[in-house]
C-alpha atoms as a PDB file:
ATOM      1  CA  MET A   1      24.907 141.212  48.891  1.00  0.00           C
ATOM      2  CA  VAL A   2      26.839 140.240  46.159  1.00  0.00           C
ATOM      3  CA  ALA A   3      28.474 137.036  45.287  1.00  0.00           C
ATOM      4  CA  ALA A   4      29.700 134.748  42.659  1.00  0.00           C
ATOM      5  CA  GLY A   5      29.198 131.351  41.153  1.00  0.00           C
ATOM      6  CA  ILE A   6      31.534 129.550  38.891  1.00  0.00           C
ATOM      7  CA  ASP A   7      31.370 126.289  36.908  1.00  0.00           C
ATOM      8  CA  ILE A   8      34.461 124.661  35.617  1.00  0.00           C
ATOM      9  CA  GLY A   9      33.124 122.165  32.942  1.00  0.00           C
ATOM     10  CA  THR A  10      34.721 120.084  30.241  1.00  0.00           C
ATOM     11  CA  ASN A  11      34.589 122.319  27.668  1.00  0.00           C
ATOM     12  CA  THR A  12      33.762 125.710  29.345  1.00  0.00           C
ATOM     13  CA  ILE A  13      34.165 127.910  32.219  1.00  0.00           C
ATOM     14  CA  LEU A  14      31.452 130.241  33.357  1.00  0.00           C
ATOM     15  CA  MET A  15      30.961 132.911  35.987  1.00  0.00           C
ATOM     16  CA  VAL A  16      28.058 134.879  37.350  1.00  0.00           C
ATOM     17  CA  ILE A  17      28.743 137.727  39.467  1.00  0.00           C
ATOM     18  CA  ALA A  18      25.063 138.817  41.015  1.00  0.00           C
ATOM     19  CA  GLU A  19      23.670 140.721  43.621  1.00  0.00           C
ATOM     20  CA  ILE A  20      21.177 138.731  45.818  1.00  0.00           C
ATOM     21  CA  ASP A  21      18.348 140.610  47.827  1.00  0.00           C
ATOM     22  CA  GLN A  22      16.889 139.360  51.178  1.00  0.00           C
ATOM     23  CA  TRP A  23      14.053 137.723  49.373  1.00  0.00           C
ATOM     24  CA  GLY A  24      16.355 135.975  46.903  1.00  0.00           C
ATOM     25  CA  ARG A  25      15.930 137.994  43.959  1.00  0.00           C
ATOM     26  CA  ILE A  26      18.924 137.636  41.324  1.00  0.00           C
ATOM     27  CA  THR A  27      20.159 141.071  39.729  1.00  0.00           C
ATOM     28  CA  VAL A  28      23.103 139.520  37.621  1.00  0.00           C
ATOM     29  CA  LEU A  29      25.808 142.029  37.410  1.00  0.00           C
ATOM     30  CA  GLU A  30      28.355 139.590  35.034  1.00  0.00           C
ATOM     31  CA  ASP A  31      27.672 136.756  33.131  1.00  0.00           C
ATOM     32  CA  LEU A  32      31.588 135.432  31.695  1.00  0.00           C
ATOM     33  CA  HIS A  33      31.346 132.665  29.603  1.00  0.00           C
ATOM     34  CA  GLU A  34      35.226 131.399  28.208  1.00  0.00           C
ATOM     35  CA  ILE A  35      35.981 127.750  25.962  1.00  0.00           C
ATOM     36  CA  PRO A  36      39.324 126.738  27.468  1.00  0.00           C
ATOM     37  CA  ARG A  37      38.329 123.182  26.671  1.00  0.00           C
ATOM     38  CA  LEU A  38      39.687 121.733  29.715  1.00  0.00           C
ATOM     39  CA  GLY A  39      38.810 117.840  29.185  1.00  0.00           C
ATOM     40  CA  GLU A  40      40.162 117.998  25.426  1.00  0.00           C
ATOM     41  CA  GLY A  41      41.996 114.268  24.862  1.00  0.00           C
ATOM     42  CA  LEU A  42      40.808 113.401  28.440  1.00  0.00           C
ATOM     43  CA  HIS A  43      39.030 110.577  26.526  1.00  0.00           C
ATOM     44  CA  GLU A  44      42.088 109.436  25.107  1.00  0.00           C
ATOM     45  CA  LEU A  45      45.046 110.119  27.725  1.00  0.00           C
ATOM     46  CA  GLY A  46      42.988 109.749  30.966  1.00  0.00           C
ATOM     47  CA  GLY A  47      44.487 112.843  32.446  1.00  0.00           C
ATOM     48  CA  ILE A  48      44.434 116.750  31.555  1.00  0.00           C
ATOM     49  CA  THR A  49      46.791 117.735  29.707  1.00  0.00           C
ATOM     50  CA  ARG A  50      49.577 120.736  30.635  1.00  0.00           C
ATOM     51  CA  GLU A  51      48.089 123.158  27.836  1.00  0.00           C
ATOM     52  CA  ALA A  52      44.568 122.464  29.084  1.00  0.00           C
ATOM     53  CA  VAL A  53      45.082 123.396  32.475  1.00  0.00           C
ATOM     54  CA  GLU A  54      47.290 126.802  31.218  1.00  0.00           C
ATOM     55  CA  ARG A  55      44.445 127.531  29.212  1.00  0.00           C
ATOM     56  CA  ALA A  56      41.989 127.229  31.757  1.00  0.00           C
ATOM     57  CA  SER A  57      44.093 128.906  34.304  1.00  0.00           C
ATOM     58  CA  THR A  58      44.360 132.035  32.062  1.00  0.00           C
ATOM     59  CA  VAL A  59      40.457 132.266  32.226  1.00  0.00           C
ATOM     60  CA  LEU A  60      40.285 131.826  35.985  1.00  0.00           C
ATOM     61  CA  THR A  61      43.109 134.562  36.331  1.00  0.00           C
ATOM     62  CA  SER A  62      41.056 137.143  33.898  1.00  0.00           C
ATOM     63  CA  PHE A  63      37.957 135.942  36.244  1.00  0.00           C
ATOM     64  CA  ARG A  64      39.985 136.731  39.322  1.00  0.00           C
ATOM     65  CA  HIS A  65      40.617 140.838  38.246  1.00  0.00           C
ATOM     66  CA  VAL A  66      36.600 140.714  37.177  1.00  0.00           C
ATOM     67  CA  LEU A  67      36.113 139.968  40.931  1.00  0.00           C
ATOM     68  CA  HIS A  68      38.331 142.369  42.220  1.00  0.00           C
ATOM     69  CA  ARG A  69      36.189 145.008  40.235  1.00  0.00           C
ATOM     70  CA  TYR A  70      33.335 143.924  43.062  1.00  0.00           C
ATOM     71  CA  GLY A  71      34.979 144.337  45.385  1.00  0.00           C
ATOM     72  CA  ASN A  72      36.188 140.416  45.827  1.00  0.00           C
ATOM     73  CA  PRO A  73      32.586 139.256  46.661  1.00  0.00           C
ATOM     74  CA  PRO A  74      32.884 135.499  47.835  1.00  0.00           C
ATOM     75  CA  ILE A  75      33.107 132.556  45.765  1.00  0.00           C
ATOM     76  CA  THR A  76      31.114 129.242  45.365  1.00  0.00           C
ATOM     77  CA  ALA A  77      33.103 127.472  42.603  1.00  0.00           C
ATOM     78  CA  VAL A  78      32.397 123.898  41.128  1.00  0.00           C
ATOM     79  CA  ALA A  79      34.405 121.505  38.657  1.00  0.00           C
ATOM     80  CA  THR A  80      32.377 118.585  36.909  1.00  0.00           C
ATOM     81  CA  GLU A  81      33.260 115.722  34.705  1.00  0.00           C
ATOM     82  CA  ALA A  82      36.652 116.403  33.375  1.00  0.00           C
ATOM     83  CA  ILE A  83      38.138 116.691  37.225  1.00  0.00           C
ATOM     84  CA  ARG A  84      35.937 114.477  38.085  1.00  0.00           C
ATOM     85  CA  ARG A  85      37.322 111.947  36.042  1.00  0.00           C
ATOM     86  CA  ALA A  86      40.903 112.999  35.285  1.00  0.00           C
ATOM     87  CA  SER A  87      43.724 110.879  36.715  1.00  0.00           C
ATOM     88  CA  ASN A  88      45.455 114.296  37.585  1.00  0.00           C
ATOM     89  CA  ALA A  89      42.286 115.441  39.088  1.00  0.00           C
ATOM     90  CA  ASP A  90      43.837 116.551  42.509  1.00  0.00           C
ATOM     91  CA  LYS A  91      46.898 118.409  40.880  1.00  0.00           C
ATOM     92  CA  VAL A  92      44.871 120.108  38.410  1.00  0.00           C
ATOM     93  CA  ARG A  93      42.463 121.666  41.130  1.00  0.00           C
ATOM     94  CA  LYS A  94      45.249 122.659  43.509  1.00  0.00           C
ATOM     95  CA  GLN A  95      46.676 124.715  40.443  1.00  0.00           C
ATOM     96  CA  LEU A  96      43.434 126.224  39.490  1.00  0.00           C
ATOM     97  CA  GLU A  97      42.561 127.171  43.026  1.00  0.00           C
ATOM     98  CA  HIS A  98      45.762 128.981  43.407  1.00  0.00           C
ATOM     99  CA  GLN A  99      44.585 130.714  40.465  1.00  0.00           C
ATOM    100  CA  LEU A 100      41.205 131.676  41.517  1.00  0.00           C
ATOM    101  CA  SER A 101      42.631 132.266  45.001  1.00  0.00           C
ATOM    102  CA  ALA A 102      39.326 130.286  46.175  1.00  0.00           C
ATOM    103  CA  PRO A 103      38.452 126.591  46.752  1.00  0.00           C
ATOM    104  CA  ILE A 104      36.859 124.423  43.867  1.00  0.00           C
ATOM    105  CA  HIS A 105      34.525 121.805  45.214  1.00  0.00           C
ATOM    106  CA  VAL A 106      34.449 118.685  43.079  1.00  0.00           C
ATOM    107  CA  LEU A 107      30.975 117.540  42.358  1.00  0.00           C
ATOM    108  CA  SER A 108      29.317 114.254  41.928  1.00  0.00           C
ATOM    109  CA  GLY A 109      27.179 113.587  38.747  1.00  0.00           C
ATOM    110  CA  GLN A 110      24.186 113.606  41.769  1.00  0.00           C
ATOM    111  CA  GLN A 111      25.289 116.812  42.931  1.00  0.00           C
ATOM    112  CA  GLU A 112      25.485 118.546  39.722  1.00  0.00           C
ATOM    113  CA  ALA A 113      22.419 117.833  38.556  1.00  0.00           C
ATOM    114  CA  MET A 114      20.383 118.918  41.963  1.00  0.00           C
ATOM    115  CA  LEU A 115      22.705 122.369  41.461  1.00  0.00           C
ATOM    116  CA  THR A 116      21.780 122.534  37.823  1.00  0.00           C
ATOM    117  CA  PHE A 117      18.238 122.234  38.779  1.00  0.00           C
ATOM    118  CA  THR A 118      18.597 124.990  41.708  1.00  0.00           C
ATOM    119  CA  GLY A 119      19.778 127.513  39.537  1.00  0.00           C
ATOM    120  CA  THR A 120      17.606 127.008  36.352  1.00  0.00           C
ATOM    121  CA  THR A 121      14.597 126.497  38.148  1.00  0.00           C
ATOM    122  CA  ALA A 122      14.158 129.194  40.161  1.00  0.00           C
ATOM    123  CA  GLY A 123      10.946 130.714  39.911  1.00  0.00           C
ATOM    124  CA  VAL A 124       9.316 128.297  37.760  1.00  0.00           C
ATOM    125  CA  PHE A 125       6.509 126.562  38.762  1.00  0.00           C
ATOM    126  CA  GLY A 126       4.860 122.995  37.783  1.00  0.00           C
ATOM    127  CA  PRO A 127       6.345 119.844  36.877  1.00  0.00           C
ATOM    128  CA  THR A 128      10.157 120.560  35.485  1.00  0.00           C
ATOM    129  CA  THR A 129      12.518 118.382  34.059  1.00  0.00           C
ATOM    130  CA  VAL A 130      16.183 120.022  33.362  1.00  0.00           C
ATOM    131  CA  ILE A 131      18.675 118.295  30.763  1.00  0.00           C
ATOM    132  CA  ASP A 132      22.488 119.919  30.726  1.00  0.00           C
ATOM    133  CA  ILE A 133      24.587 118.630  27.707  1.00  0.00           C
ATOM    134  CA  GLY A 134      27.923 118.847  29.060  1.00  0.00           C
ATOM    135  CA  GLY A 135      31.536 118.389  27.330  1.00  0.00           C
ATOM    136  CA  GLY A 136      31.813 115.008  29.291  1.00  0.00           C
ATOM    137  CA  SER A 137      28.099 114.302  31.016  1.00  0.00           C
ATOM    138  CA  THR A 138      24.718 115.200  30.610  1.00  0.00           C
ATOM    139  CA  GLU A 139      22.345 115.583  33.750  1.00  0.00           C
ATOM    140  CA  LEU A 140      18.651 114.851  33.926  1.00  0.00           C
ATOM    141  CA  VAL A 141      16.815 116.027  36.635  1.00  0.00           C
ATOM    142  CA  HIS A 142      13.102 116.341  37.132  1.00  0.00           C
ATOM    143  CA  GLY A 143      10.987 118.074  40.132  1.00  0.00           C
ATOM    144  CA  SER A 144       8.594 120.451  40.356  1.00  0.00           C
ATOM    145  CA  ASP A 145       8.010 123.796  41.789  1.00  0.00           C
ATOM    146  CA  GLY A 146      11.649 123.873  42.316  1.00  0.00           C
ATOM    147  CA  ARG A 147      12.397 120.967  44.297  1.00  0.00           C
ATOM    148  CA  PRO A 148      13.914 117.872  42.328  1.00  0.00           C
ATOM    149  CA  VAL A 149      12.856 114.575  43.331  1.00  0.00           C
ATOM    150  CA  TRP A 150      14.642 112.794  40.428  1.00  0.00           C
ATOM    151  CA  ALA A 151      18.185 113.089  39.252  1.00  0.00           C
ATOM    152  CA  ASN A 152      20.550 111.242  37.189  1.00  0.00           C
ATOM    153  CA  SER A 153      24.194 112.311  35.272  1.00  0.00           C
ATOM    154  CA  LEU A 154      24.660 110.083  32.092  1.00  0.00           C
ATOM    155  CA  PRO A 155      27.987 109.206  30.772  1.00  0.00           C
ATOM    156  CA  LEU A 156      27.297 111.340  27.103  1.00  0.00           C
ATOM    157  CA  GLY A 157      28.771 114.648  26.860  1.00  0.00           C
ATOM    158  CA  SER A 158      29.605 116.207  23.327  1.00  0.00           C
ATOM    159  CA  ILE A 159      33.353 116.349  23.558  1.00  0.00           C
ATOM    160  CA  LEU A 160      33.053 112.659  24.860  1.00  0.00           C
ATOM    161  CA  LEU A 161      31.231 111.208  22.086  1.00  0.00           C
ATOM    162  CA  THR A 162      32.640 113.541  19.624  1.00  0.00           C
ATOM    163  CA  ASP A 163      36.325 112.175  20.473  1.00  0.00           C
ATOM    164  CA  GLN A 164      34.728 108.417  20.490  1.00  0.00           C
ATOM    165  CA  PHE A 165      32.920 108.435  17.592  1.00  0.00           C
ATOM    166  CA  VAL A 166      33.628 110.974  15.125  1.00  0.00           C
ATOM    167  CA  GLN A 167      36.729 110.897  12.847  1.00  0.00           C
ATOM    168  CA  GLU A 168      35.375 112.384   9.756  1.00  0.00           C
ATOM    169  CA  ARG A 169      33.063 115.447   8.583  1.00  0.00           C
ATOM    170  CA  PRO A 170      30.101 115.254   7.532  1.00  0.00           C
ATOM    171  CA  VAL A 171      29.673 112.412  10.124  1.00  0.00           C
ATOM    172  CA  SER A 172      28.877 109.265   8.600  1.00  0.00           C
ATOM    173  CA  PHE A 173      25.844 107.317   9.068  1.00  0.00           C
ATOM    174  CA  GLU A 174      27.618 104.540  10.956  1.00  0.00           C
ATOM    175  CA  SER A 175      29.281 107.082  13.411  1.00  0.00           C
ATOM    176  CA  HIS A 176      25.896 108.718  13.817  1.00  0.00           C
ATOM    177  CA  GLY A 177      24.261 105.350  14.912  1.00  0.00           C
ATOM    178  CA  ARG A 178      26.915 104.534  17.484  1.00  0.00           C
ATOM    179  CA  ILE A 179      26.540 107.966  18.930  1.00  0.00           C
ATOM    180  CA  ILE A 180      22.575 106.856  19.118  1.00  0.00           C
ATOM    181  CA  GLU A 181      23.814 103.869  20.524  1.00  0.00           C
ATOM    182  CA  SER A 182      25.509 105.103  23.407  1.00  0.00           C
ATOM    183  CA  ILE A 183      22.907 107.355  23.994  1.00  0.00           C
ATOM    184  CA  ASP A 184      19.963 104.584  24.067  1.00  0.00           C
ATOM    185  CA  ALA A 185      22.086 102.683  26.464  1.00  0.00           C
ATOM    186  CA  ALA A 186      23.013 105.695  28.716  1.00  0.00           C
ATOM    187  CA  VAL A 187      19.367 106.342  29.141  1.00  0.00           C
ATOM    188  CA  LEU A 188      18.068 103.010  29.510  1.00  0.00           C
ATOM    189  CA  ALA A 189      21.019 102.380  32.487  1.00  0.00           C
ATOM    190  CA  CYS A 190      19.321 105.114  34.179  1.00  0.00           C
ATOM    191  CA  ALA A 191      16.030 104.037  34.620  1.00  0.00           C
ATOM    192  CA  VAL A 192      14.172 107.361  33.982  1.00  0.00           C
ATOM    193  CA  PRO A 193      10.897 107.014  36.086  1.00  0.00           C
ATOM    194  CA  GLN A 194       7.699 107.178  33.870  1.00  0.00           C
ATOM    195  CA  SER A 195       6.354 109.965  36.070  1.00  0.00           C
ATOM    196  CA  VAL A 196       9.175 111.893  34.190  1.00  0.00           C
ATOM    197  CA  ARG A 197       8.510 111.141  30.294  1.00  0.00           C
ATOM    198  CA  SER A 198       6.674 113.951  28.328  1.00  0.00           C
ATOM    199  CA  SER A 199       5.367 115.420  32.080  1.00  0.00           C
ATOM    200  CA  GLY A 200       5.947 119.294  32.052  1.00  0.00           C
ATOM    201  CA  THR A 201       8.462 121.373  30.629  1.00  0.00           C
ATOM    202  CA  LEU A 202      11.697 120.434  29.728  1.00  0.00           C
ATOM    203  CA  LEU A 203      14.326 122.615  30.132  1.00  0.00           C
ATOM    204  CA  ALA A 204      17.558 122.676  28.662  1.00  0.00           C
ATOM    205  CA  VAL A 205      20.926 124.196  29.617  1.00  0.00           C
ATOM    206  CA  ALA A 206      24.273 124.971  28.749  1.00  0.00           C
ATOM    207  CA  GLY A 207      26.384 125.855  25.424  1.00  0.00           C
ATOM    208  CA  THR A 208      24.390 123.121  23.302  1.00  0.00           C
ATOM    209  CA  ALA A 209      21.305 124.719  23.953  1.00  0.00           C
ATOM    210  CA  THR A 210      22.209 128.412  23.783  1.00  0.00           C
ATOM    211  CA  SER A 211      23.810 127.670  20.877  1.00  0.00           C
ATOM    212  CA  LEU A 212      20.832 126.033  19.293  1.00  0.00           C
ATOM    213  CA  ALA A 213      18.673 129.049  19.979  1.00  0.00           C
ATOM    214  CA  VAL A 214      21.297 131.370  18.545  1.00  0.00           C
ATOM    215  CA  LEU A 215      21.332 128.982  15.075  1.00  0.00           C
ATOM    216  CA  ASN A 216      17.402 128.765  15.112  1.00  0.00           C
ATOM    217  CA  ALA A 217      16.780 132.649  15.703  1.00  0.00           C
ATOM    218  CA  HIS A 218      19.635 133.320  12.840  1.00  0.00           C
ATOM    219  CA  LEU A 219      21.008 135.488  15.614  1.00  0.00           C
ATOM    220  CA  PRO A 220      24.523 137.356  14.357  1.00  0.00           C
ATOM    221  CA  VAL A 221      26.090 136.983  18.109  1.00  0.00           C
ATOM    222  CA  PHE A 222      24.779 135.174  21.384  1.00  0.00           C
ATOM    223  CA  ASP A 223      21.971 137.817  22.943  1.00  0.00           C
ATOM    224  CA  ALA A 224      20.814 136.461  26.250  1.00  0.00           C
ATOM    225  CA  LYS A 225      17.358 138.113  26.004  1.00  0.00           C
ATOM    226  CA  GLN A 226      16.493 136.851  22.559  1.00  0.00           C
ATOM    227  CA  VAL A 227      18.058 133.255  23.472  1.00  0.00           C
ATOM    228  CA  ASP A 228      16.163 132.127  26.987  1.00  0.00           C
ATOM    229  CA  GLY A 229      13.007 131.240  27.174  1.00  0.00           C
ATOM    230  CA  GLN A 230      12.957 130.232  23.273  1.00  0.00           C
ATOM    231  CA  VAL A 231      10.670 127.157  22.306  1.00  0.00           C
ATOM    232  CA  LEU A 232      12.056 124.874  19.617  1.00  0.00           C
ATOM    233  CA  PRO A 233       9.523 121.615  18.618  1.00  0.00           C
ATOM    234  CA  ILE A 234      11.029 118.580  18.339  1.00  0.00           C
ATOM    235  CA  ASP A 235      11.121 118.640  14.361  1.00  0.00           C
ATOM    236  CA  GLN A 236      12.746 121.742  14.770  1.00  0.00           C
ATOM    237  CA  VAL A 237      15.891 120.045  16.574  1.00  0.00           C
ATOM    238  CA  ALA A 238      15.638 117.167  14.566  1.00  0.00           C
ATOM    239  CA  TYR A 239      16.416 119.432  11.395  1.00  0.00           C
ATOM    240  CA  TRP A 240      19.367 121.236  13.023  1.00  0.00           C
ATOM    241  CA  LYS A 241      20.772 118.052  13.744  1.00  0.00           C
ATOM    242  CA  ASN A 242      20.490 116.998  10.641  1.00  0.00           C
ATOM    243  CA  GLU A 243      21.767 120.482   9.262  1.00  0.00           C
ATOM    244  CA  LEU A 244      24.802 120.286  11.572  1.00  0.00           C
ATOM    245  CA  LEU A 245      25.594 116.578  11.260  1.00  0.00           C
ATOM    246  CA  GLY A 246      25.835 117.050   7.054  1.00  0.00           C
ATOM    247  CA  MET A 247      28.530 119.604   7.515  1.00  0.00           C
ATOM    248  CA  ASP A 248      32.107 119.739   7.090  1.00  0.00           C
ATOM    249  CA  THR A 249      34.799 121.517   9.706  1.00  0.00           C
ATOM    250  CA  ALA A 250      35.084 124.486   7.822  1.00  0.00           C
ATOM    251  CA  GLN A 251      31.048 124.571   7.668  1.00  0.00           C
ATOM    252  CA  LEU A 252      30.624 124.166  11.381  1.00  0.00           C
ATOM    253  CA  ARG A 253      33.379 126.932  12.022  1.00  0.00           C
ATOM    254  CA  ALA A 254      31.746 129.406  10.062  1.00  0.00           C
ATOM    255  CA  LEU A 255      28.135 129.194  11.107  1.00  0.00           C
ATOM    256  CA  GLN A 256      26.524 132.688  12.153  1.00  0.00           C
ATOM    257  CA  GLY A 257      26.640 133.499  15.871  1.00  0.00           C
ATOM    258  CA  ILE A 258      28.751 130.437  16.935  1.00  0.00           C
ATOM    259  CA  ASP A 259      31.934 130.099  18.801  1.00  0.00           C
ATOM    260  CA  PRO A 260      34.286 128.483  16.289  1.00  0.00           C
ATOM    261  CA  ARG A 261      35.787 126.700  19.626  1.00  0.00           C
ATOM    262  CA  ARG A 262      32.742 124.892  20.340  1.00  0.00           C
ATOM    263  CA  ALA A 263      31.442 124.268  16.848  1.00  0.00           C
ATOM    264  CA  ASP A 264      33.076 120.827  16.117  1.00  0.00           C
ATOM    265  CA  ILE A 265      31.192 119.491  18.993  1.00  0.00           C
ATOM    266  CA  LEU A 266      27.661 121.179  18.606  1.00  0.00           C
ATOM    267  CA  PRO A 267      26.499 117.988  16.205  1.00  0.00           C
ATOM    268  CA  VAL A 268      27.164 115.770  18.805  1.00  0.00           C
ATOM    269  CA  GLY A 269      25.808 117.811  21.496  1.00  0.00           C
ATOM    270  CA  VAL A 270      22.520 118.635  19.456  1.00  0.00           C
ATOM    271  CA  THR A 271      22.007 114.911  18.520  1.00  0.00           C
ATOM    272  CA  ILE A 272      22.209 114.333  22.412  1.00  0.00           C
ATOM    273  CA  LEU A 273      19.432 116.531  23.151  1.00  0.00           C
ATOM    274  CA  HIS A 274      16.880 115.376  19.990  1.00  0.00           C
ATOM    275  CA  ARG A 275      17.711 111.344  20.793  1.00  0.00           C
ATOM    276  CA  ILE A 276      16.598 111.971  24.210  1.00  0.00           C
ATOM    277  CA  MET A 277      13.659 113.859  23.616  1.00  0.00           C
ATOM    278  CA  GLU A 278      12.735 111.110  21.190  1.00  0.00           C
ATOM    279  CA  LEU A 279      13.144 108.586  24.325  1.00  0.00           C
ATOM    280  CA  LEU A 280      11.348 110.618  26.746  1.00  0.00           C
ATOM    281  CA  ASP A 281       8.316 111.695  24.818  1.00  0.00           C
ATOM    282  CA  PHE A 282       8.971 115.798  24.789  1.00  0.00           C
ATOM    283  CA  SER A 283       7.774 117.123  21.727  1.00  0.00           C
ATOM    284  CA  ASN A 284       9.186 120.824  22.737  1.00  0.00           C
ATOM    285  CA  VAL A 285      12.341 122.096  24.650  1.00  0.00           C
ATOM    286  CA  ALA A 286      12.795 125.468  26.339  1.00  0.00           C
ATOM    287  CA  ILE A 287      16.071 127.066  26.427  1.00  0.00           C
ATOM    288  CA  SER A 288      17.422 128.823  29.653  1.00  0.00           C
ATOM    289  CA  VAL A 289      20.574 130.915  29.827  1.00  0.00           C
ATOM    290  CA  ARG A 290      21.043 129.774  33.472  1.00  0.00           C
ATOM    291  CA  GLY A 291      22.443 126.509  34.894  1.00  0.00           C
ATOM    292  CA  LEU A 292      24.996 125.244  36.793  1.00  0.00           C
ATOM    293  CA  ARG A 293      26.749 128.541  38.119  1.00  0.00           C
ATOM    294  CA  TYR A 294      23.867 129.937  39.282  1.00  0.00           C
ATOM    295  CA  GLY A 295      22.849 126.975  41.501  1.00  0.00           C
ATOM    296  CA  ALA A 296      26.604 126.798  42.925  1.00  0.00           C
ATOM    297  CA  LEU A 297      25.555 130.879  43.608  1.00  0.00           C
ATOM    298  CA  LEU A 298      22.827 130.271  45.408  1.00  0.00           C
ATOM    299  CA  ASN A 299      23.930 127.197  47.483  1.00  0.00           C
ATOM    300  CA  GLY A 300      27.092 128.887  48.441  1.00  0.00           C
ATOM    301  CA  LEU A 301      24.791 132.137  50.141  1.00  0.00           C
ATOM    302  CA  GLY A 302      22.295 128.876  51.505  1.00  0.00           C
ATOM    303  CA  LYS A 303      19.303 129.561  49.179  1.00  0.00           C
ATOM    304  CA  GLY A 304      20.121 126.228  47.149  1.00  0.00           C
END
């Protein structure tokens, strides 16, 4: 059967439409990515702005048209940190549900982590840790053979920390230090089990990870086949972190293959990835183009 999974995040809205056979094998029909920045200004204002809701509504309306071409298959739509913490969350959710013509499930951080693991590790064997760096939060989840055993949602996000600490470009030494302090405190607070550290494969999903892979492979545009499965050693992640932190806004927006709407938050996103790799003793990270939308898709079909 054909079904869809939608991930409404702080920075992006993503949708996968896929055909799933009786053995749970997925054939992707559409995999759409848009950047309405629903959580823009959330840290300062406490709520989601009308302009951000309008941008997100436009994206969901366009997704609805795509779904119509596939006979309006069943949808599992989930929302994460921006709607979790916004003061006007209920109003925003209802408006977006109207645009999508489907319910939107607001996930807890724990639920988000678990579904991300499900969507990322289908068919992956052995100990695996998944890191999902979003705009408003970062999910860490560890398990083996597709079964999660530990998960946590950290109050770290590329938009959140950029809004909090970045007032100038290039990012100053002092701002970088405050970002690192926030990451260290969040990782310490979530009490990562010793068994997770440097255990098995580290998989990174979402826009920070895939954008980093685009840069590392010098791709002119995003190409899922060249991004998915790309492995970066920690030294290479450190190289790109330092390069990005040292760029001004114009240089970031001119990066080849990177959407200019994501460019300004990419330095902080890569900083989060690099620092967590250091703290958890991972020497390499593999990039996955899957993630939460795939978990939503499978969960909606009872396969998550």
